[in-house]
Amino acid sequence: MTSAGREPLPVRAPAPRLSETLPPTPPRLPTFTLEISPPDLSPWVAGNTGVPGLHQFDSGRPGPHVAVSALMHGNEYAGAIVLAELLRAGVTPRRGKLSLVFLNLAAFARFDFERPIASRFVDEDMNRLWRRGTLDQPVASSERDRVRSLIGFFDTIDMLLDLHSMLWPSDPLVLSGPSEAGCALAREIGTPPLIVSDSGHAGGPRLIDYERFVTPSTGARACLLEAGQHWAAATLALTRKVVSRFLGACDVIGSAEATGTRPRVAEVTECVTARTTSLTFLRNFRGGEIIPLQGTVIALDGPEEIRTPYDDCMLIMPNHRAARGHTAVRLARVVA
């Protein structure tokens, strides 16, 4: 897409000198305050289905199969706290089925207050594996084994909310994936006030990109909550609110009252993948920040400048320590 009839500039361009639009002040790693403690999941690890961490409740009445998943990454445990709260409260759907699933229990078991980032996964990012062809490859991996044990379960889901949080400072958002169905589900939830439509990562498909949720003929819908910084109390509070609204919107528990606001929708047009080990942003950008001018240099990736391709470009979840081959930032245009 273009803005005001102008072709967007290349996202990458040779960098004989630094742009003068933003002075280079490479960000330092933040100091993290753990405001919430990891939950005790020992009562829930076994599940009630024969699959560890998977709990399923059937109302006995016709209705959709609705699921909420947490712990895709072992150090993102705000969602796990909320699922444990629902289980302790004896959650029961009034129609259809409700499933609650703790995904990467092995990574969560490694969480260490002294090294809170290290337990994101055991062998590889679980949220890049949701394709049957990927799972058919003879690769030894804790995460692949776990996805293999669960993928048949997700083939039965009609509506899914996958709970996440973020390492770097960012406005909360819902990722709706590439399908309009996911965006519609995010609108029905109604909060947080930013929906991001995107096509995922070069490294592999997320759960919300799984064929079940992006094939129109299935009617299944999924979206992913990024509720805020991993260990912040505000992240936990928002996760509780969004889960409650999701269950109400699906009409399995409670009801989702109107929020009085219409979320903005931003469409990702560029996914910037780090080509070197030294990609550096020129300053501490916050996720959700809008860069007014087309062509603004926001980062250096080795000898290349990363530029905004159009005016009013929104930065989605900039990763200030992106490894080579990993997503550094997504560039988006607000469309609604």
C-alpha atoms as a PDB file:
ATOM      1  CA  MET A   1       0.000   0.000   0.000  1.00  0.00           C
ATOM      2  CA  THR A   2       1.100   3.606  -0.509  1.00  0.00           C
ATOM      3  CA  SER A   3       0.412   6.889   1.238  1.00  0.00           C
ATOM      4  CA  ALA A   4      -0.832   9.913  -0.742  1.00  0.00           C
ATOM      5  CA  GLY A   5       0.182   8.236  -3.987  1.00  0.00           C
ATOM      6  CA  ARG A   6       3.869   7.906  -3.018  1.00  0.00           C
ATOM      7  CA  GLU A   7       5.776   4.678  -3.384  1.00  0.00           C
ATOM      8  CA  PRO A   8       7.232   3.683  -0.010  1.00  0.00           C
ATOM      9  CA  LEU A   9      10.995   3.859   0.354  1.00  0.00           C
ATOM     10  CA  PRO A  10      12.897   0.588   0.731  1.00  0.00           C
ATOM     11  CA  VAL A  11      12.924  -0.589   4.310  1.00  0.00           C
ATOM     12  CA  ARG A  12      16.650  -1.275   3.957  1.00  0.00           C
ATOM     13  CA  ALA A  13      19.208   0.981   2.318  1.00  0.00           C
ATOM     14  CA  PRO A  14      23.019   1.377   2.354  1.00  0.00           C
ATOM     15  CA  ALA A  15      24.197   3.520   5.260  1.00  0.00           C
ATOM     16  CA  PRO A  16      27.230   5.633   4.336  1.00  0.00           C
ATOM     17  CA  ARG A  17      26.379   7.857   7.292  1.00  0.00           C
ATOM     18  CA  LEU A  18      23.856   7.991  10.106  1.00  0.00           C
ATOM     19  CA  SER A  19      20.594   9.779   9.440  1.00  0.00           C
ATOM     20  CA  GLU A  20      20.348  13.108  11.206  1.00  0.00           C
ATOM     21  CA  THR A  21      16.657  12.620  11.976  1.00  0.00           C
ATOM     22  CA  LEU A  22      17.302  10.510  15.083  1.00  0.00           C
ATOM     23  CA  PRO A  23      20.615  10.668  16.977  1.00  0.00           C
ATOM     24  CA  PRO A  24      22.133   7.235  17.674  1.00  0.00           C
ATOM     25  CA  THR A  25      21.680   6.441  21.346  1.00  0.00           C
ATOM     26  CA  PRO A  26      21.615   2.622  21.477  1.00  0.00           C
ATOM     27  CA  PRO A  27      19.339   1.434  24.267  1.00  0.00           C
ATOM     28  CA  ARG A  28      20.632  -0.308  27.326  1.00  0.00           C
ATOM     29  CA  LEU A  29      19.072  -3.507  28.588  1.00  0.00           C
ATOM     30  CA  PRO A  30      16.280  -2.575  30.990  1.00  0.00           C
ATOM     31  CA  THR A  31      16.324  -3.494  34.643  1.00  0.00           C
ATOM     32  CA  PHE A  32      13.345  -5.706  35.316  1.00  0.00           C
ATOM     33  CA  THR A  33      11.218  -5.574  38.440  1.00  0.00           C
ATOM     34  CA  LEU A  34       9.329  -8.778  39.119  1.00  0.00           C
ATOM     35  CA  GLU A  35       6.063  -7.425  40.492  1.00  0.00           C
ATOM     36  CA  ILE A  36       4.249 -10.759  40.180  1.00  0.00           C
ATOM     37  CA  SER A  37       5.540 -14.151  41.269  1.00  0.00           C
ATOM     38  CA  PRO A  38       5.223 -17.331  39.216  1.00  0.00           C
ATOM     39  CA  PRO A  39       2.183 -19.396  40.181  1.00  0.00           C
ATOM     40  CA  ASP A  40       2.204 -22.790  41.867  1.00  0.00           C
ATOM     41  CA  LEU A  41       0.901 -25.017  39.091  1.00  0.00           C
ATOM     42  CA  SER A  42       1.467 -28.314  40.888  1.00  0.00           C
ATOM     43  CA  PRO A  43      -2.307 -28.967  41.297  1.00  0.00           C
ATOM     44  CA  TRP A  44      -2.840 -28.461  37.563  1.00  0.00           C
ATOM     45  CA  VAL A  45       0.171 -30.030  35.839  1.00  0.00           C
ATOM     46  CA  ALA A  46      -1.486 -33.428  35.358  1.00  0.00           C
ATOM     47  CA  GLY A  47      -4.557 -31.970  33.600  1.00  0.00           C
ATOM     48  CA  ASN A  48      -7.837 -33.873  33.464  1.00  0.00           C
ATOM     49  CA  THR A  49      -7.628 -35.339  29.950  1.00  0.00           C
ATOM     50  CA  GLY A  50      -4.584 -37.615  30.084  1.00  0.00           C
ATOM     51  CA  VAL A  51      -2.479 -34.876  28.462  1.00  0.00           C
ATOM     52  CA  PRO A  52      -0.334 -32.920  30.953  1.00  0.00           C
ATOM     53  CA  GLY A  53      -1.462 -29.340  31.481  1.00  0.00           C
ATOM     54  CA  LEU A  54      -4.700 -29.760  29.499  1.00  0.00           C
ATOM     55  CA  HIS A  55      -8.012 -29.232  31.297  1.00  0.00           C
ATOM     56  CA  GLN A  56     -11.321 -29.646  29.509  1.00  0.00           C
ATOM     57  CA  PHE A  57     -14.864 -29.026  30.730  1.00  0.00           C
ATOM     58  CA  ASP A  58     -18.009 -30.049  28.851  1.00  0.00           C
ATOM     59  CA  SER A  59     -21.323 -28.361  29.620  1.00  0.00           C
ATOM     60  CA  GLY A  60     -23.287 -31.142  27.947  1.00  0.00           C
ATOM     61  CA  ARG A  61     -25.081 -28.523  25.879  1.00  0.00           C
ATOM     62  CA  PRO A  62     -24.540 -27.563  22.237  1.00  0.00           C
ATOM     63  CA  GLY A  63     -22.009 -24.807  21.680  1.00  0.00           C
ATOM     64  CA  PRO A  64     -18.487 -24.023  20.520  1.00  0.00           C
ATOM     65  CA  HIS A  65     -15.264 -25.515  21.808  1.00  0.00           C
ATOM     66  CA  VAL A  66     -13.474 -22.522  23.328  1.00  0.00           C
ATOM     67  CA  ALA A  67      -9.878 -22.569  24.566  1.00  0.00           C
ATOM     68  CA  VAL A  68      -7.509 -20.290  26.449  1.00  0.00           C
ATOM     69  CA  SER A  69      -3.799 -21.148  26.340  1.00  0.00           C
ATOM     70  CA  ALA A  70      -0.918 -19.819  28.420  1.00  0.00           C
ATOM     71  CA  LEU A  71       2.819 -20.438  28.872  1.00  0.00           C
ATOM     72  CA  MET A  72       3.724 -20.699  25.200  1.00  0.00           C
ATOM     73  CA  HIS A  73       6.925 -19.215  26.613  1.00  0.00           C
ATOM     74  CA  GLY A  74       7.990 -20.357  30.052  1.00  0.00           C
ATOM     75  CA  ASN A  75       8.737 -16.907  31.479  1.00  0.00           C
ATOM     76  CA  GLU A  76       5.398 -15.361  30.395  1.00  0.00           C
ATOM     77  CA  TYR A  77       3.365 -16.538  33.347  1.00  0.00           C
ATOM     78  CA  ALA A  78       0.715 -13.833  33.871  1.00  0.00           C
ATOM     79  CA  GLY A  79      -1.636 -15.908  31.716  1.00  0.00           C
ATOM     80  CA  ALA A  80      -0.862 -19.025  33.759  1.00  0.00           C
ATOM     81  CA  ILE A  81      -1.866 -17.162  36.929  1.00  0.00           C
ATOM     82  CA  VAL A  82      -5.244 -16.349  35.392  1.00  0.00           C
ATOM     83  CA  LEU A  83      -5.854 -19.932  34.210  1.00  0.00           C
ATOM     84  CA  ALA A  84      -4.965 -21.249  37.674  1.00  0.00           C
ATOM     85  CA  GLU A  85      -7.444 -18.784  39.184  1.00  0.00           C
ATOM     86  CA  LEU A  86     -10.187 -20.084  36.891  1.00  0.00           C
ATOM     87  CA  LEU A  87      -9.387 -23.689  37.791  1.00  0.00           C
ATOM     88  CA  ARG A  88      -9.423 -22.947  41.527  1.00  0.00           C
ATOM     89  CA  ALA A  89     -12.799 -21.246  41.107  1.00  0.00           C
ATOM     90  CA  GLY A  90     -14.236 -24.389  39.489  1.00  0.00           C
ATOM     91  CA  VAL A  91     -14.897 -22.819  36.117  1.00  0.00           C
ATOM     92  CA  THR A  92     -17.802 -24.404  34.224  1.00  0.00           C
ATOM     93  CA  PRO A  93     -19.060 -23.450  30.753  1.00  0.00           C
ATOM     94  CA  ARG A  94     -22.782 -22.856  30.330  1.00  0.00           C
ATOM     95  CA  ARG A  95     -22.689 -24.244  26.783  1.00  0.00           C
ATOM     96  CA  GLY A  96     -20.234 -26.077  24.594  1.00  0.00           C
ATOM     97  CA  LYS A  97     -16.783 -27.005  25.862  1.00  0.00           C
ATOM     98  CA  LEU A  98     -14.086 -24.963  27.558  1.00  0.00           C
ATOM     99  CA  SER A  99     -10.426 -25.973  27.573  1.00  0.00           C
ATOM    100  CA  LEU A 100      -7.585 -24.364  29.518  1.00  0.00           C
ATOM    101  CA  VAL A 101      -4.061 -25.399  28.590  1.00  0.00           C
ATOM    102  CA  PHE A 102      -0.611 -24.703  30.010  1.00  0.00           C
ATOM    103  CA  LEU A 103       1.635 -25.133  26.993  1.00  0.00           C
ATOM    104  CA  ASN A 104       5.371 -25.142  27.777  1.00  0.00           C
ATOM    105  CA  LEU A 105       5.467 -26.627  31.255  1.00  0.00           C
ATOM    106  CA  ALA A 106       9.059 -27.777  30.812  1.00  0.00           C
ATOM    107  CA  ALA A 107      10.295 -24.249  30.163  1.00  0.00           C
ATOM    108  CA  PHE A 108       8.204 -22.829  33.007  1.00  0.00           C
ATOM    109  CA  ALA A 109       9.749 -25.370  35.420  1.00  0.00           C
ATOM    110  CA  ARG A 110      13.163 -23.807  34.677  1.00  0.00           C
ATOM    111  CA  PHE A 111      12.142 -20.271  35.686  1.00  0.00           C
ATOM    112  CA  ASP A 112      14.751 -18.612  37.875  1.00  0.00           C
ATOM    113  CA  PHE A 113      14.352 -15.195  39.511  1.00  0.00           C
ATOM    114  CA  GLU A 114      18.060 -14.560  38.900  1.00  0.00           C
ATOM    115  CA  ARG A 115      17.765 -15.322  35.160  1.00  0.00           C
ATOM    116  CA  PRO A 116      14.122 -14.601  34.274  1.00  0.00           C
ATOM    117  CA  ILE A 117      14.723 -14.347  30.518  1.00  0.00           C
ATOM    118  CA  ALA A 118      16.453 -17.727  30.226  1.00  0.00           C
ATOM    119  CA  SER A 119      13.302 -19.842  30.586  1.00  0.00           C
ATOM    120  CA  ARG A 120      11.548 -18.628  27.435  1.00  0.00           C
ATOM    121  CA  PHE A 121      11.995 -22.139  25.996  1.00  0.00           C
ATOM    122  CA  VAL A 122      14.060 -25.301  26.457  1.00  0.00           C
ATOM    123  CA  ASP A 123      15.301 -26.041  22.930  1.00  0.00           C
ATOM    124  CA  GLU A 124      13.499 -23.666  20.554  1.00  0.00           C
ATOM    125  CA  ASP A 125      10.662 -21.168  20.369  1.00  0.00           C
ATOM    126  CA  MET A 126       7.441 -23.156  20.642  1.00  0.00           C
ATOM    127  CA  ASN A 127       5.524 -20.420  18.839  1.00  0.00           C
ATOM    128  CA  ARG A 128       7.314 -21.056  15.522  1.00  0.00           C
ATOM    129  CA  LEU A 129       6.349 -24.721  15.175  1.00  0.00           C
ATOM    130  CA  TRP A 130       2.635 -24.836  14.379  1.00  0.00           C
ATOM    131  CA  ARG A 131       2.743 -26.574  11.000  1.00  0.00           C
ATOM    132  CA  ARG A 132       2.433 -30.313  10.522  1.00  0.00           C
ATOM    133  CA  GLY A 133       5.244 -30.318   7.968  1.00  0.00           C
ATOM    134  CA  THR A 134       7.555 -28.748  10.544  1.00  0.00           C
ATOM    135  CA  LEU A 135       6.646 -31.404  13.095  1.00  0.00           C
ATOM    136  CA  ASP A 136       7.348 -34.201  10.603  1.00  0.00           C
ATOM    137  CA  GLN A 137      11.025 -33.237  10.517  1.00  0.00           C
ATOM    138  CA  PRO A 138      13.288 -35.566  12.573  1.00  0.00           C
ATOM    139  CA  VAL A 139      14.453 -32.879  14.994  1.00  0.00           C
ATOM    140  CA  ALA A 140      14.950 -33.616  18.696  1.00  0.00           C
ATOM    141  CA  SER A 141      13.250 -30.861  20.667  1.00  0.00           C
ATOM    142  CA  SER A 142      11.261 -30.584  23.867  1.00  0.00           C
ATOM    143  CA  GLU A 143       8.992 -28.007  22.241  1.00  0.00           C
ATOM    144  CA  ARG A 144       8.340 -30.124  19.126  1.00  0.00           C
ATOM    145  CA  ASP A 145       7.396 -33.108  21.253  1.00  0.00           C
ATOM    146  CA  ARG A 146       4.966 -30.965  23.207  1.00  0.00           C
ATOM    147  CA  VAL A 147       3.369 -29.463  20.082  1.00  0.00           C
ATOM    148  CA  ARG A 148       3.008 -32.961  18.593  1.00  0.00           C
ATOM    149  CA  SER A 149       1.104 -34.031  21.709  1.00  0.00           C
ATOM    150  CA  LEU A 150      -1.292 -31.068  21.459  1.00  0.00           C
ATOM    151  CA  ILE A 151      -1.841 -30.366  17.789  1.00  0.00           C
ATOM    152  CA  GLY A 152      -4.727 -32.828  17.465  1.00  0.00           C
ATOM    153  CA  PHE A 153      -6.442 -31.072  20.360  1.00  0.00           C
ATOM    154  CA  PHE A 154      -6.203 -27.707  18.614  1.00  0.00           C
ATOM    155  CA  ASP A 155      -7.855 -29.262  15.555  1.00  0.00           C
ATOM    156  CA  THR A 156     -11.055 -29.350  17.649  1.00  0.00           C
ATOM    157  CA  ILE A 157     -11.017 -25.694  18.792  1.00  0.00           C
ATOM    158  CA  ASP A 158     -13.518 -23.158  17.456  1.00  0.00           C
ATOM    159  CA  MET A 159     -12.308 -20.054  19.314  1.00  0.00           C
ATOM    160  CA  LEU A 160      -8.902 -19.553  20.892  1.00  0.00           C
ATOM    161  CA  LEU A 161      -7.210 -16.865  22.976  1.00  0.00           C
ATOM    162  CA  ASP A 162      -3.451 -17.371  23.356  1.00  0.00           C
ATOM    163  CA  LEU A 163      -1.994 -15.404  26.293  1.00  0.00           C
ATOM    164  CA  HIS A 164       1.400 -13.715  26.052  1.00  0.00           C
ATOM    165  CA  SER A 165       3.380 -10.807  27.466  1.00  0.00           C
ATOM    166  CA  MET A 166       6.381  -8.769  26.283  1.00  0.00           C
ATOM    167  CA  LEU A 167       9.980  -8.258  27.362  1.00  0.00           C
ATOM    168  CA  TRP A 168      10.385  -4.716  26.052  1.00  0.00           C
ATOM    169  CA  PRO A 169       8.184  -1.703  26.873  1.00  0.00           C
ATOM    170  CA  SER A 170       5.138  -1.622  24.623  1.00  0.00           C
ATOM    171  CA  ASP A 171       1.481  -0.702  24.562  1.00  0.00           C
ATOM    172  CA  PRO A 172      -0.708  -3.814  25.030  1.00  0.00           C
ATOM    173  CA  LEU A 173      -2.193  -5.220  21.840  1.00  0.00           C
ATOM    174  CA  VAL A 174      -4.004  -8.156  20.281  1.00  0.00           C
ATOM    175  CA  LEU A 175      -2.409  -9.910  17.319  1.00  0.00           C
ATOM    176  CA  SER A 176      -5.162 -11.154  15.027  1.00  0.00           C
ATOM    177  CA  GLY A 177      -2.958 -12.992  12.537  1.00  0.00           C
ATOM    178  CA  PRO A 178      -3.593 -12.807   8.801  1.00  0.00           C
ATOM    179  CA  SER A 179      -7.306 -13.697   8.845  1.00  0.00           C
ATOM    180  CA  GLU A 180     -10.270 -11.355   9.015  1.00  0.00           C
ATOM    181  CA  ALA A 181     -11.892 -13.878  11.366  1.00  0.00           C
ATOM    182  CA  GLY A 182      -9.151 -13.309  13.926  1.00  0.00           C
ATOM    183  CA  CYS A 183      -9.572  -9.553  13.630  1.00  0.00           C
ATOM    184  CA  ALA A 184     -13.335  -9.889  14.105  1.00  0.00           C
ATOM    185  CA  LEU A 185     -12.783 -11.928  17.278  1.00  0.00           C
ATOM    186  CA  ALA A 186     -10.385  -9.283  18.607  1.00  0.00           C
ATOM    187  CA  ARG A 187     -13.006  -6.589  17.945  1.00  0.00           C
ATOM    188  CA  GLU A 188     -15.599  -8.602  19.882  1.00  0.00           C
ATOM    189  CA  ILE A 189     -13.249  -8.836  22.857  1.00  0.00           C
ATOM    190  CA  GLY A 190     -12.866  -5.053  22.590  1.00  0.00           C
ATOM    191  CA  THR A 191      -9.719  -4.555  24.666  1.00  0.00           C
ATOM    192  CA  PRO A 192      -6.840  -3.652  24.596  1.00  0.00           C
ATOM    193  CA  PRO A 193      -7.535  -0.783  22.194  1.00  0.00           C
ATOM    194  CA  LEU A 194      -4.997  -1.850  19.537  1.00  0.00           C
ATOM    195  CA  ILE A 195      -5.474  -4.776  17.130  1.00  0.00           C
ATOM    196  CA  VAL A 196      -2.537  -5.711  14.906  1.00  0.00           C
ATOM    197  CA  SER A 197      -3.128  -7.726  11.741  1.00  0.00           C
ATOM    198  CA  ASP A 198       0.015  -9.489  10.551  1.00  0.00           C
ATOM    199  CA  SER A 199       1.378 -12.578   8.840  1.00  0.00           C
ATOM    200  CA  GLY A 200       3.698 -13.798  11.565  1.00  0.00           C
ATOM    201  CA  HIS A 201       7.446 -14.422  11.540  1.00  0.00           C
ATOM    202  CA  ALA A 202      10.008 -15.649   9.052  1.00  0.00           C
ATOM    203  CA  GLY A 203      11.098 -18.194  11.664  1.00  0.00           C
ATOM    204  CA  GLY A 204       7.884 -20.220  11.466  1.00  0.00           C
ATOM    205  CA  PRO A 205       4.125 -20.201  12.159  1.00  0.00           C
ATOM    206  CA  ARG A 206       2.595 -19.244  15.484  1.00  0.00           C
ATOM    207  CA  LEU A 207      -0.338 -21.082  17.009  1.00  0.00           C
ATOM    208  CA  ILE A 208      -2.718 -18.414  15.677  1.00  0.00           C
ATOM    209  CA  ASP A 209      -1.250 -19.092  12.195  1.00  0.00           C
ATOM    210  CA  TYR A 210      -2.068 -22.812  12.416  1.00  0.00           C
ATOM    211  CA  GLU A 211      -4.136 -23.992   9.435  1.00  0.00           C
ATOM    212  CA  ARG A 212      -7.191 -24.610  11.604  1.00  0.00           C
ATOM    213  CA  PHE A 213      -7.424 -20.883  12.398  1.00  0.00           C
ATOM    214  CA  VAL A 214      -6.544 -19.383   9.001  1.00  0.00           C
ATOM    215  CA  THR A 215      -8.638 -21.634   6.741  1.00  0.00           C
ATOM    216  CA  PRO A 216     -11.987 -19.850   6.193  1.00  0.00           C
ATOM    217  CA  SER A 217     -13.934 -23.082   5.675  1.00  0.00           C
ATOM    218  CA  THR A 218     -13.270 -24.249   9.260  1.00  0.00           C
ATOM    219  CA  GLY A 219     -14.972 -21.216  10.813  1.00  0.00           C
ATOM    220  CA  ALA A 220     -12.399 -21.355  13.627  1.00  0.00           C
ATOM    221  CA  ARG A 221     -10.966 -18.111  15.006  1.00  0.00           C
ATOM    222  CA  ALA A 222      -7.917 -17.276  17.095  1.00  0.00           C
ATOM    223  CA  CYS A 223      -6.052 -14.262  18.395  1.00  0.00           C
ATOM    224  CA  LEU A 224      -3.058 -13.614  20.625  1.00  0.00           C
ATOM    225  CA  LEU A 225      -2.929 -11.200  23.552  1.00  0.00           C
ATOM    226  CA  GLU A 226       0.291  -9.305  24.256  1.00  0.00           C
ATOM    227  CA  ALA A 227      -0.749  -7.891  27.617  1.00  0.00           C
ATOM    228  CA  GLY A 228       2.296  -5.810  28.583  1.00  0.00           C
ATOM    229  CA  GLN A 229       5.702  -6.348  30.186  1.00  0.00           C
ATOM    230  CA  HIS A 230       6.197  -9.912  31.434  1.00  0.00           C
ATOM    231  CA  TRP A 231       6.280  -9.416  35.180  1.00  0.00           C
ATOM    232  CA  ALA A 232       4.274  -6.232  35.711  1.00  0.00           C
ATOM    233  CA  ALA A 233       1.190  -6.106  37.913  1.00  0.00           C
ATOM    234  CA  ALA A 234      -0.626  -4.122  35.204  1.00  0.00           C
ATOM    235  CA  THR A 235      -0.037  -6.995  32.773  1.00  0.00           C
ATOM    236  CA  LEU A 236      -1.737  -9.453  35.110  1.00  0.00           C
ATOM    237  CA  ALA A 237      -4.686  -7.106  35.626  1.00  0.00           C
ATOM    238  CA  LEU A 238      -5.188  -6.657  31.881  1.00  0.00           C
ATOM    239  CA  THR A 239      -4.870 -10.405  31.249  1.00  0.00           C
ATOM    240  CA  ARG A 240      -7.668 -11.073  33.729  1.00  0.00           C
ATOM    241  CA  LYS A 241      -9.858  -8.493  32.022  1.00  0.00           C
ATOM    242  CA  VAL A 242      -9.234  -9.783  28.501  1.00  0.00           C
ATOM    243  CA  VAL A 243      -9.820 -13.432  29.457  1.00  0.00           C
ATOM    244  CA  SER A 244     -13.121 -12.471  31.099  1.00  0.00           C
ATOM    245  CA  ARG A 245     -14.203 -10.516  28.031  1.00  0.00           C
ATOM    246  CA  PHE A 246     -13.140 -13.341  25.693  1.00  0.00           C
ATOM    247  CA  LEU A 247     -15.187 -15.920  27.589  1.00  0.00           C
ATOM    248  CA  GLY A 248     -18.139 -13.539  27.568  1.00  0.00           C
ATOM    249  CA  ALA A 249     -17.788 -12.813  23.854  1.00  0.00           C
ATOM    250  CA  CYS A 250     -17.804 -16.573  23.184  1.00  0.00           C
ATOM    251  CA  ASP A 251     -20.908 -16.905  25.387  1.00  0.00           C
ATOM    252  CA  VAL A 252     -19.476 -19.704  27.495  1.00  0.00           C
ATOM    253  CA  ILE A 253     -19.050 -17.801  30.780  1.00  0.00           C
ATOM    254  CA  GLY A 254     -20.485 -14.390  31.615  1.00  0.00           C
ATOM    255  CA  SER A 255     -21.062 -11.754  28.976  1.00  0.00           C
ATOM    256  CA  ALA A 256     -18.910  -9.125  27.294  1.00  0.00           C
ATOM    257  CA  GLU A 257     -20.407  -5.685  27.799  1.00  0.00           C
ATOM    258  CA  ALA A 258     -19.634  -2.913  25.329  1.00  0.00           C
ATOM    259  CA  THR A 259     -16.408  -1.061  26.126  1.00  0.00           C
ATOM    260  CA  GLY A 260     -17.594   2.227  24.649  1.00  0.00           C
ATOM    261  CA  THR A 261     -14.486   2.453  22.463  1.00  0.00           C
ATOM    262  CA  ARG A 262     -13.615   0.938  19.104  1.00  0.00           C
ATOM    263  CA  PRO A 263     -10.117  -0.546  18.900  1.00  0.00           C
ATOM    264  CA  ARG A 264      -7.691   0.784  16.322  1.00  0.00           C
ATOM    265  CA  VAL A 265      -6.537  -1.712  13.713  1.00  0.00           C
ATOM    266  CA  ALA A 266      -2.961  -1.560  12.435  1.00  0.00           C
ATOM    267  CA  GLU A 267      -1.886  -3.629   9.443  1.00  0.00           C
ATOM    268  CA  VAL A 268       1.703  -4.854   9.357  1.00  0.00           C
ATOM    269  CA  THR A 269       3.296  -4.152   5.981  1.00  0.00           C
ATOM    270  CA  GLU A 270       6.917  -5.033   6.750  1.00  0.00           C
ATOM    271  CA  CYS A 271       8.443  -7.574   9.125  1.00  0.00           C
ATOM    272  CA  VAL A 272      12.090  -6.635   9.700  1.00  0.00           C
ATOM    273  CA  THR A 273      14.271  -9.669  10.359  1.00  0.00           C
ATOM    274  CA  ALA A 274      17.791  -9.144  11.724  1.00  0.00           C
ATOM    275  CA  ARG A 275      20.413 -10.104   9.139  1.00  0.00           C
ATOM    276  CA  THR A 276      23.373  -9.586  11.463  1.00  0.00           C
ATOM    277  CA  THR A 277      24.103 -10.074  15.146  1.00  0.00           C
ATOM    278  CA  SER A 278      24.450  -6.328  15.661  1.00  0.00           C
ATOM    279  CA  LEU A 279      21.075  -4.825  14.709  1.00  0.00           C
ATOM    280  CA  THR A 280      20.750  -1.710  16.872  1.00  0.00           C
ATOM    281  CA  PHE A 281      17.887   0.734  17.220  1.00  0.00           C
ATOM    282  CA  LEU A 282      18.892   4.379  17.251  1.00  0.00           C
ATOM    283  CA  ARG A 283      16.982   5.008  20.442  1.00  0.00           C
ATOM    284  CA  ASN A 284      14.688   3.285  22.927  1.00  0.00           C
ATOM    285  CA  PHE A 285      11.549   2.991  20.836  1.00  0.00           C
ATOM    286  CA  ARG A 286       8.385   1.848  22.577  1.00  0.00           C
ATOM    287  CA  GLY A 287       6.015  -0.594  20.924  1.00  0.00           C
ATOM    288  CA  GLY A 288       3.022   1.276  19.504  1.00  0.00           C
ATOM    289  CA  GLU A 289       5.054   4.410  18.865  1.00  0.00           C
ATOM    290  CA  ILE A 290       4.277   6.173  15.578  1.00  0.00           C
ATOM    291  CA  ILE A 291       7.123   7.669  13.508  1.00  0.00           C
ATOM    292  CA  PRO A 292       5.695  10.662  11.590  1.00  0.00           C
ATOM    293  CA  LEU A 293       7.990  10.865   8.551  1.00  0.00           C
ATOM    294  CA  GLN A 294       8.594   8.408   5.734  1.00  0.00           C
ATOM    295  CA  GLY A 295      12.254   7.453   5.352  1.00  0.00           C
ATOM    296  CA  THR A 296      13.202   7.981   9.007  1.00  0.00           C
ATOM    297  CA  VAL A 297      16.111   5.773  10.005  1.00  0.00           C
ATOM    298  CA  ILE A 298      15.160   3.764  13.099  1.00  0.00           C
ATOM    299  CA  ALA A 299      17.918   1.131  13.254  1.00  0.00           C
ATOM    300  CA  LEU A 300      21.197  -0.074  11.803  1.00  0.00           C
ATOM    301  CA  ASP A 301      21.666  -3.713  10.794  1.00  0.00           C
ATOM    302  CA  GLY A 302      25.359  -3.991  10.031  1.00  0.00           C
ATOM    303  CA  PRO A 303      25.972  -1.641   7.064  1.00  0.00           C
ATOM    304  CA  GLU A 304      22.269  -1.127   6.355  1.00  0.00           C
ATOM    305  CA  GLU A 305      19.822   1.483   7.584  1.00  0.00           C
ATOM    306  CA  ILE A 306      16.316   0.371   8.519  1.00  0.00           C
ATOM    307  CA  ARG A 307      13.905   3.107   7.431  1.00  0.00           C
ATOM    308  CA  THR A 308      10.201   3.707   7.872  1.00  0.00           C
ATOM    309  CA  PRO A 309       8.491   3.017   4.522  1.00  0.00           C
ATOM    310  CA  TYR A 310       5.715   5.631   4.887  1.00  0.00           C
ATOM    311  CA  ASP A 311       4.488   8.518   7.017  1.00  0.00           C
ATOM    312  CA  ASP A 312       2.894   7.696  10.387  1.00  0.00           C
ATOM    313  CA  CYS A 313       4.541   4.301  10.618  1.00  0.00           C
ATOM    314  CA  MET A 314       3.711   2.369  13.792  1.00  0.00           C
ATOM    315  CA  LEU A 315       6.452   0.262  15.391  1.00  0.00           C
ATOM    316  CA  ILE A 316       5.115  -3.045  16.643  1.00  0.00           C
ATOM    317  CA  MET A 317       7.051  -4.740  19.461  1.00  0.00           C
ATOM    318  CA  PRO A 318      10.615  -3.607  18.677  1.00  0.00           C
ATOM    319  CA  ASN A 319      13.086  -6.206  19.917  1.00  0.00           C
ATOM    320  CA  HIS A 320      16.191  -4.365  21.088  1.00  0.00           C
ATOM    321  CA  ARG A 321      18.303  -7.517  21.243  1.00  0.00           C
ATOM    322  CA  ALA A 322      17.152  -9.405  18.151  1.00  0.00           C
ATOM    323  CA  ALA A 323      19.317 -12.376  17.215  1.00  0.00           C
ATOM    324  CA  ARG A 324      20.200 -12.924  13.577  1.00  0.00           C
ATOM    325  CA  GLY A 325      17.231 -14.443  11.747  1.00  0.00           C
ATOM    326  CA  HIS A 326      14.754 -13.227  14.376  1.00  0.00           C
ATOM    327  CA  THR A 327      12.124 -10.510  14.072  1.00  0.00           C
ATOM    328  CA  ALA A 328      13.483  -7.112  15.123  1.00  0.00           C
ATOM    329  CA  VAL A 329      10.357  -5.025  14.569  1.00  0.00           C
ATOM    330  CA  ARG A 330       7.152  -4.996  12.567  1.00  0.00           C
ATOM    331  CA  LEU A 331       6.165  -1.840  10.695  1.00  0.00           C
ATOM    332  CA  ALA A 332       2.464  -1.102  10.480  1.00  0.00           C
ATOM    333  CA  ARG A 333      -0.045   1.386   9.128  1.00  0.00           C
ATOM    334  CA  VAL A 334      -3.187   2.240  11.103  1.00  0.00           C
ATOM    335  CA  VAL A 335      -6.101   1.326   8.813  1.00  0.00           C
ATOM    336  CA  ALA A 336      -9.127   1.708  11.088  1.00  0.00           C
END
